[in-house]
C-alpha atoms as a PDB file:
ATOM      1  CA  MET A   1      90.113  98.754 131.074  1.00  0.00           C
ATOM      2  CA  SER A   2      89.323 101.400 128.728  1.00  0.00           C
ATOM      3  CA  ASP A   3      85.888 100.687 126.767  1.00  0.00           C
ATOM      4  CA  THR A   4      87.470 102.638 123.590  1.00  0.00           C
ATOM      5  CA  ILE A   5      88.154 100.680 120.632  1.00  0.00           C
ATOM      6  CA  LYS A   6      91.349 101.336 119.270  1.00  0.00           C
ATOM      7  CA  ILE A   7      91.792 100.633 115.210  1.00  0.00           C
ATOM      8  CA  ALA A   8      95.197 101.221 113.646  1.00  0.00           C
ATOM      9  CA  VAL A   9      95.087 101.709 109.732  1.00  0.00           C
ATOM     10  CA  VAL A  10      98.294 100.484 108.497  1.00  0.00           C
ATOM     11  CA  TYR A  11      99.190 101.247 104.834  1.00  0.00           C
ATOM     12  CA  HIS A  12     102.182 102.346 102.423  1.00  0.00           C
ATOM     13  CA  SER A  13     101.437 104.252  99.517  1.00  0.00           C
ATOM     14  CA  GLY A  14     104.343 104.840  96.709  1.00  0.00           C
ATOM     15  CA  TYR A  15     103.235 107.772  95.154  1.00  0.00           C
ATOM     16  CA  GLY A  16      99.993 109.248  97.326  1.00  0.00           C
ATOM     17  CA  HIS A  17      97.040 107.890  96.001  1.00  0.00           C
ATOM     18  CA  THR A  18      96.446 104.922  98.480  1.00  0.00           C
ATOM     19  CA  LYS A  19      97.654 107.558 101.352  1.00  0.00           C
ATOM     20  CA  VAL A  20      94.577 109.374 100.336  1.00  0.00           C
ATOM     21  CA  GLN A  21      92.338 106.247 100.277  1.00  0.00           C
ATOM     22  CA  ALA A  22      93.934 105.538 103.931  1.00  0.00           C
ATOM     23  CA  GLU A  23      92.387 108.701 104.621  1.00  0.00           C
ATOM     24  CA  ALA A  24      89.564 107.751 104.084  1.00  0.00           C
ATOM     25  CA  VAL A  25      89.202 104.591 105.698  1.00  0.00           C
ATOM     26  CA  HIS A  26      90.782 106.288 108.814  1.00  0.00           C
ATOM     27  CA  ALA A  27      87.875 108.798 108.576  1.00  0.00           C
ATOM     28  CA  GLY A  28      85.205 106.202 108.594  1.00  0.00           C
ATOM     29  CA  ALA A  29      86.746 103.808 111.259  1.00  0.00           C
ATOM     30  CA  ASP A  30      86.938 107.536 113.104  1.00  0.00           C
ATOM     31  CA  GLU A  31      83.158 108.150 112.791  1.00  0.00           C
ATOM     32  CA  GLY A  32      82.065 106.371 115.917  1.00  0.00           C
ATOM     33  CA  ALA A  33      81.314 106.917 119.224  1.00  0.00           C
ATOM     34  CA  GLY A  34      83.736 104.865 121.605  1.00  0.00           C
ATOM     35  CA  VAL A  35      86.272 104.238 118.846  1.00  0.00           C
ATOM     36  CA  ASN A  36      89.789 105.804 118.377  1.00  0.00           C
ATOM     37  CA  ALA A  37      91.298 105.632 114.908  1.00  0.00           C
ATOM     38  CA  ALA A  38      94.852 105.996 114.015  1.00  0.00           C
ATOM     39  CA  LEU A  39      96.940 106.283 110.770  1.00  0.00           C
ATOM     40  CA  TYR A  40     100.296 104.355 110.548  1.00  0.00           C
ATOM     41  CA  ALA A  41     102.854 104.424 107.241  1.00  0.00           C
ATOM     42  CA  VAL A  42     104.695 101.307 107.368  1.00  0.00           C
ATOM     43  CA  ASP A  43     107.857 103.084 106.498  1.00  0.00           C
ATOM     44  CA  ASP A  44     107.200 105.075 109.744  1.00  0.00           C
ATOM     45  CA  LEU A  45     106.978 102.147 112.491  1.00  0.00           C
ATOM     46  CA  SER A  46     109.409 100.624 114.707  1.00  0.00           C
ATOM     47  CA  ASP A  47     111.155  97.226 113.590  1.00  0.00           C
ATOM     48  CA  ASP A  48     109.105  95.692 116.573  1.00  0.00           C
ATOM     49  CA  LEU A  49     105.910  96.961 115.863  1.00  0.00           C
ATOM     50  CA  SER A  50     105.267  98.019 119.202  1.00  0.00           C
ATOM     51  CA  GLU A  51     102.834 101.147 118.215  1.00  0.00           C
ATOM     52  CA  LEU A  52     100.526  98.384 117.106  1.00  0.00           C
ATOM     53  CA  ALA A  53     100.339  96.550 120.066  1.00  0.00           C
ATOM     54  CA  ASP A  54      97.330  97.950 122.118  1.00  0.00           C
ATOM     55  CA  ALA A  55      95.180  98.091 118.378  1.00  0.00           C
ATOM     56  CA  ASP A  56      91.992  96.272 119.208  1.00  0.00           C
ATOM     57  CA  ALA A  57      91.325  95.955 114.891  1.00  0.00           C
ATOM     58  CA  MET A  58      93.891  96.916 112.109  1.00  0.00           C
ATOM     59  CA  ILE A  59      93.304  97.687 108.832  1.00  0.00           C
ATOM     60  CA  PHE A  60      96.064  97.301 105.823  1.00  0.00           C
ATOM     61  CA  GLY A  61      96.146  98.937 102.926  1.00  0.00           C
ATOM     62  CA  SER A  62      98.563  98.758 100.055  1.00  0.00           C
ATOM     63  CA  PRO A  63      98.970  99.454  96.551  1.00  0.00           C
ATOM     64  CA  THR A  64      99.107  96.529  94.397  1.00  0.00           C
ATOM     65  CA  TYR A  65     102.393  96.229  92.398  1.00  0.00           C
ATOM     66  CA  MET A  66     102.497  93.612  89.773  1.00  0.00           C
ATOM     67  CA  GLY A  67      99.708  91.713  90.945  1.00  0.00           C
ATOM     68  CA  ASN A  68     100.506  91.763  94.689  1.00  0.00           C
ATOM     69  CA  VAL A  69     101.294  94.101  97.986  1.00  0.00           C
ATOM     70  CA  SER A  70     104.121  96.732  97.476  1.00  0.00           C
ATOM     71  CA  GLY A  71     107.914  95.912  98.729  1.00  0.00           C
ATOM     72  CA  PRO A  72     107.495  98.011 101.799  1.00  0.00           C
ATOM     73  CA  PHE A  73     104.185  96.690 102.656  1.00  0.00           C
ATOM     74  CA  LYS A  74     105.840  93.123 102.091  1.00  0.00           C
ATOM     75  CA  SER A  75     108.919  94.170 104.921  1.00  0.00           C
ATOM     76  CA  PHE A  76     106.004  95.137 107.055  1.00  0.00           C
ATOM     77  CA  MET A  77     104.356  91.661 106.679  1.00  0.00           C
ATOM     78  CA  ASP A  78     108.031  89.799 107.365  1.00  0.00           C
ATOM     79  CA  LYS A  79     108.527  92.266 110.609  1.00  0.00           C
ATOM     80  CA  SER A  80     105.450  90.755 112.122  1.00  0.00           C
ATOM     81  CA  SER A  81     106.517  87.192 112.143  1.00  0.00           C
ATOM     82  CA  ARG A  82     107.675  87.471 115.749  1.00  0.00           C
ATOM     83  CA  ILE A  83     104.498  88.769 116.574  1.00  0.00           C
ATOM     84  CA  TRP A  84     102.983  85.655 115.057  1.00  0.00           C
ATOM     85  CA  LEU A  85     104.898  83.522 116.485  1.00  0.00           C
ATOM     86  CA  ASN A  86     103.702  84.637 120.000  1.00  0.00           C
ATOM     87  CA  ARG A  87     100.051  84.928 118.484  1.00  0.00           C
ATOM     88  CA  GLY A  88     100.550  89.036 119.723  1.00  0.00           C
ATOM     89  CA  TRP A  89      97.478  89.663 117.190  1.00  0.00           C
ATOM     90  CA  SER A  90      95.357  86.775 117.912  1.00  0.00           C
ATOM     91  CA  GLY A  91      91.595  87.575 118.578  1.00  0.00           C
ATOM     92  CA  LYS A  92      92.039  90.973 116.983  1.00  0.00           C
ATOM     93  CA  ILE A  93      89.669  92.113 113.971  1.00  0.00           C
ATOM     94  CA  ALA A  94      91.436  92.957 110.856  1.00  0.00           C
ATOM     95  CA  GLY A  95      90.260  94.488 107.248  1.00  0.00           C
ATOM     96  CA  GLY A  96      92.330  95.674 103.996  1.00  0.00           C
ATOM     97  CA  PHE A  97      92.471  97.814 100.968  1.00  0.00           C
ATOM     98  CA  THR A  98      93.984  98.237  97.916  1.00  0.00           C
ATOM     99  CA  ASN A  99      94.306 100.443  94.835  1.00  0.00           C
ATOM    100  CA  SER A 100      95.876 100.512  91.312  1.00  0.00           C
ATOM    101  CA  SER A 101      95.750 102.370  88.438  1.00  0.00           C
ATOM    102  CA  SER A 102      93.540  99.653  86.263  1.00  0.00           C
ATOM    103  CA  GLN A 103      90.222  98.559  87.229  1.00  0.00           C
ATOM    104  CA  LEU A 104      91.049  95.013  87.699  1.00  0.00           C
ATOM    105  CA  GLY A 105      94.702  95.491  87.937  1.00  0.00           C
ATOM    106  CA  ASP A 106      94.838  92.057  90.197  1.00  0.00           C
ATOM    107  CA  LYS A 107      93.929  93.429  92.975  1.00  0.00           C
ATOM    108  CA  GLY A 108      92.061  90.786  94.304  1.00  0.00           C
ATOM    109  CA  SER A 109      95.604  89.308  94.902  1.00  0.00           C
ATOM    110  CA  THR A 110      96.906  91.951  97.309  1.00  0.00           C
ATOM    111  CA  LEU A 111      93.240  91.517  99.102  1.00  0.00           C
ATOM    112  CA  GLN A 112      93.776  87.475  99.642  1.00  0.00           C
ATOM    113  CA  ALA A 113      97.107  88.010 100.868  1.00  0.00           C
ATOM    114  CA  LEU A 114      96.049  90.857 103.114  1.00  0.00           C
ATOM    115  CA  SER A 115      93.803  88.649 104.295  1.00  0.00           C
ATOM    116  CA  VAL A 116      96.002  85.498 104.566  1.00  0.00           C
ATOM    117  CA  PHE A 117      98.143  87.631 106.460  1.00  0.00           C
ATOM    118  CA  ALA A 118      95.917  88.320 109.064  1.00  0.00           C
ATOM    119  CA  ILE A 119      94.557  85.058 109.372  1.00  0.00           C
ATOM    120  CA  GLN A 120      97.781  83.681 109.757  1.00  0.00           C
ATOM    121  CA  HIS A 121      97.812  86.159 112.963  1.00  0.00           C
ATOM    122  CA  GLY A 122      94.770  84.650 114.092  1.00  0.00           C
ATOM    123  CA  MET A 123      93.193  88.055 113.043  1.00  0.00           C
ATOM    124  CA  VAL A 124      89.221  87.994 112.225  1.00  0.00           C
ATOM    125  CA  TRP A 125      88.789  89.671 108.749  1.00  0.00           C
ATOM    126  CA  VAL A 126      85.759  91.566 108.080  1.00  0.00           C
ATOM    127  CA  GLY A 127      84.816  91.849 104.392  1.00  0.00           C
ATOM    128  CA  LEU A 128      83.213  95.243 102.686  1.00  0.00           C
ATOM    129  CA  ASP A 129      79.533  94.000 103.128  1.00  0.00           C
ATOM    130  CA  MET A 130      78.171  95.820 100.291  1.00  0.00           C
ATOM    131  CA  LEU A 131      76.712  95.090  97.029  1.00  0.00           C
ATOM    132  CA  PRO A 132      78.447  95.940  93.806  1.00  0.00           C
ATOM    133  CA  GLY A 133      77.303  99.271  92.637  1.00  0.00           C
ATOM    134  CA  ASN A 134      77.825  99.434  88.924  1.00  0.00           C
ATOM    135  CA  ASN A 135      76.578  96.172  87.601  1.00  0.00           C
ATOM    136  CA  SER A 136      73.697  96.820  85.846  1.00  0.00           C
ATOM    137  CA  THR A 137      72.052  99.323  83.837  1.00  0.00           C
ATOM    138  CA  GLN A 138      70.606 101.013  87.134  1.00  0.00           C
ATOM    139  CA  GLY A 139      74.213 101.242  88.355  1.00  0.00           C
ATOM    140  CA  SER A 140      76.738 104.121  87.674  1.00  0.00           C
ATOM    141  CA  ASP A 141      80.314 104.481  88.067  1.00  0.00           C
ATOM    142  CA  THR A 142      79.987 107.096  90.516  1.00  0.00           C
ATOM    143  CA  ALA A 143      78.068 104.231  92.902  1.00  0.00           C
ATOM    144  CA  LEU A 144      79.610 102.948  96.232  1.00  0.00           C
ATOM    145  CA  ASN A 145      81.503  99.823  95.476  1.00  0.00           C
ATOM    146  CA  ARG A 146      81.786 100.470  91.706  1.00  0.00           C
ATOM    147  CA  MET A 147      84.445  98.142  91.199  1.00  0.00           C
ATOM    148  CA  GLY A 148      82.071  95.132  92.756  1.00  0.00           C
ATOM    149  CA  ALA A 149      84.547  94.077  95.771  1.00  0.00           C
ATOM    150  CA  SER A 150      83.755  91.635  98.887  1.00  0.00           C
ATOM    151  CA  LEU A 151      87.113  90.945 100.390  1.00  0.00           C
ATOM    152  CA  GLY A 152      87.586  94.809 101.236  1.00  0.00           C
ATOM    153  CA  ALA A 153      87.966  98.421  99.638  1.00  0.00           C
ATOM    154  CA  VAL A 154      89.450  98.475  95.762  1.00  0.00           C
ATOM    155  CA  ALA A 155      90.134 101.738  94.141  1.00  0.00           C
ATOM    156  CA  GLN A 156      91.314 102.780  90.852  1.00  0.00           C
ATOM    157  CA  SER A 157      93.913 106.046  90.538  1.00  0.00           C
ATOM    158  CA  LEU A 158      94.645 106.872  86.931  1.00  0.00           C
ATOM    159  CA  ALA A 159      98.233 106.666  86.044  1.00  0.00           C
ATOM    160  CA  ASP A 160      98.636 109.526  85.084  1.00  0.00           C
ATOM    161  CA  GLN A 161      96.535 111.708  87.645  1.00  0.00           C
ATOM    162  CA  GLY A 162      98.029 112.764  91.358  1.00  0.00           C
ATOM    163  CA  PRO A 163      96.613 111.792  94.568  1.00  0.00           C
ATOM    164  CA  ASP A 164      94.471 115.134  94.070  1.00  0.00           C
ATOM    165  CA  GLN A 165      92.171 113.727  91.250  1.00  0.00           C
ATOM    166  CA  SER A 166      92.697 109.910  91.853  1.00  0.00           C
ATOM    167  CA  PRO A 167      90.669 107.902  93.474  1.00  0.00           C
ATOM    168  CA  PRO A 168      87.647 109.251  92.505  1.00  0.00           C
ATOM    169  CA  SER A 169      85.101 110.316  94.935  1.00  0.00           C
ATOM    170  CA  ALA A 170      82.983 106.897  94.785  1.00  0.00           C
ATOM    171  CA  ASP A 171      86.079 104.932  95.745  1.00  0.00           C
ATOM    172  CA  LEU A 172      86.928 107.308  98.282  1.00  0.00           C
ATOM    173  CA  GLU A 173      83.409 107.318  99.967  1.00  0.00           C
ATOM    174  CA  THR A 174      83.201 103.337  99.728  1.00  0.00           C
ATOM    175  CA  ALA A 175      86.439 103.428 101.358  1.00  0.00           C
ATOM    176  CA  ARG A 176      84.995 105.747 104.102  1.00  0.00           C
ATOM    177  CA  ALA A 177      82.236 103.250 104.743  1.00  0.00           C
ATOM    178  CA  TYR A 178      84.806  99.985 104.596  1.00  0.00           C
ATOM    179  CA  GLY A 179      86.172 102.233 107.517  1.00  0.00           C
ATOM    180  CA  ARG A 180      82.998 102.349 109.424  1.00  0.00           C
ATOM    181  CA  ASN A 181      82.259  98.942 109.147  1.00  0.00           C
ATOM    182  CA  VAL A 182      85.404  97.490 110.299  1.00  0.00           C
ATOM    183  CA  ALA A 183      84.784 100.041 113.070  1.00  0.00           C
ATOM    184  CA  LEU A 184      81.000  98.883 113.805  1.00  0.00           C
ATOM    185  CA  ALA A 185      82.321  94.787 113.895  1.00  0.00           C
ATOM    186  CA  ALA A 186      85.830  95.757 116.308  1.00  0.00           C
ATOM    187  CA  ARG A 187      82.980  97.329 118.587  1.00  0.00           C
ATOM    188  CA  ARG A 188      80.754  93.949 118.556  1.00  0.00           C
ATOM    189  CA  TRP A 189      83.718  91.911 119.145  1.00  0.00           C
ATOM    190  CA  GLY A 190      85.074  93.833 121.736  1.00  0.00           C
ATOM    191  CA  LYS A 191      88.633  92.816 122.960  1.00  0.00           C
ATOM    192  CA  SER A 192      90.205  89.656 122.644  1.00  0.00           C
ATOM    193  CA  ASP A 193      90.092  87.399 125.988  1.00  0.00           C
ATOM    194  CA  ALA A 194      94.042  88.166 125.756  1.00  0.00           C
ATOM    195  CA  GLN A 195      93.676  91.832 125.619  1.00  0.00           C
ATOM    196  CA  GLN A 196      91.432  91.838 128.479  1.00  0.00           C
ATOM    197  CA  GLU A 197      94.027  89.887 130.556  1.00  0.00           C
ATOM    198  CA  ALA A 198      96.960  92.673 129.917  1.00  0.00           C
ATOM    199  CA  ALA A 199      94.497  95.593 130.540  1.00  0.00           C
END
């Protein structure tokens, strides 16, 4: 059995902004020793999602469209129903991130959808574990977790800026720190009993 923890960052990005955020999450997750993180765009996954079978942790990412996950990400969720029925992801670590053009943009609804999805699969959800960075006169719009999230990492990408300009560096550094946090949780948690039996 390999001691390497495998982390899958699974995302959809409509205009490239959430892809940039996903890359930051991936970079943070891949920093630690004994971790192998990989990026997966939902459009590139097979119908049976077999690419994700040996992942010890998954970090889900979707833009917030109309107060929820994007259509392509919802299709990915629906494809996982056979895995859900067979408890294929039970015991794995999970986390999530999202991005929208508004500061609020009802991003909390997307993170809730992602966390409920993971919990229905029997996964163990990891939050951001970071104090708000811009909720006092000592705070700053350039601080980590400037948006004040807890459930996962959030970012804002201005509607008239491309992914080369948005999300801002504070949100990308928050995403990177979140990736590290999920990787740390995955290393602490180790492999589930089912994964160990299959290895």
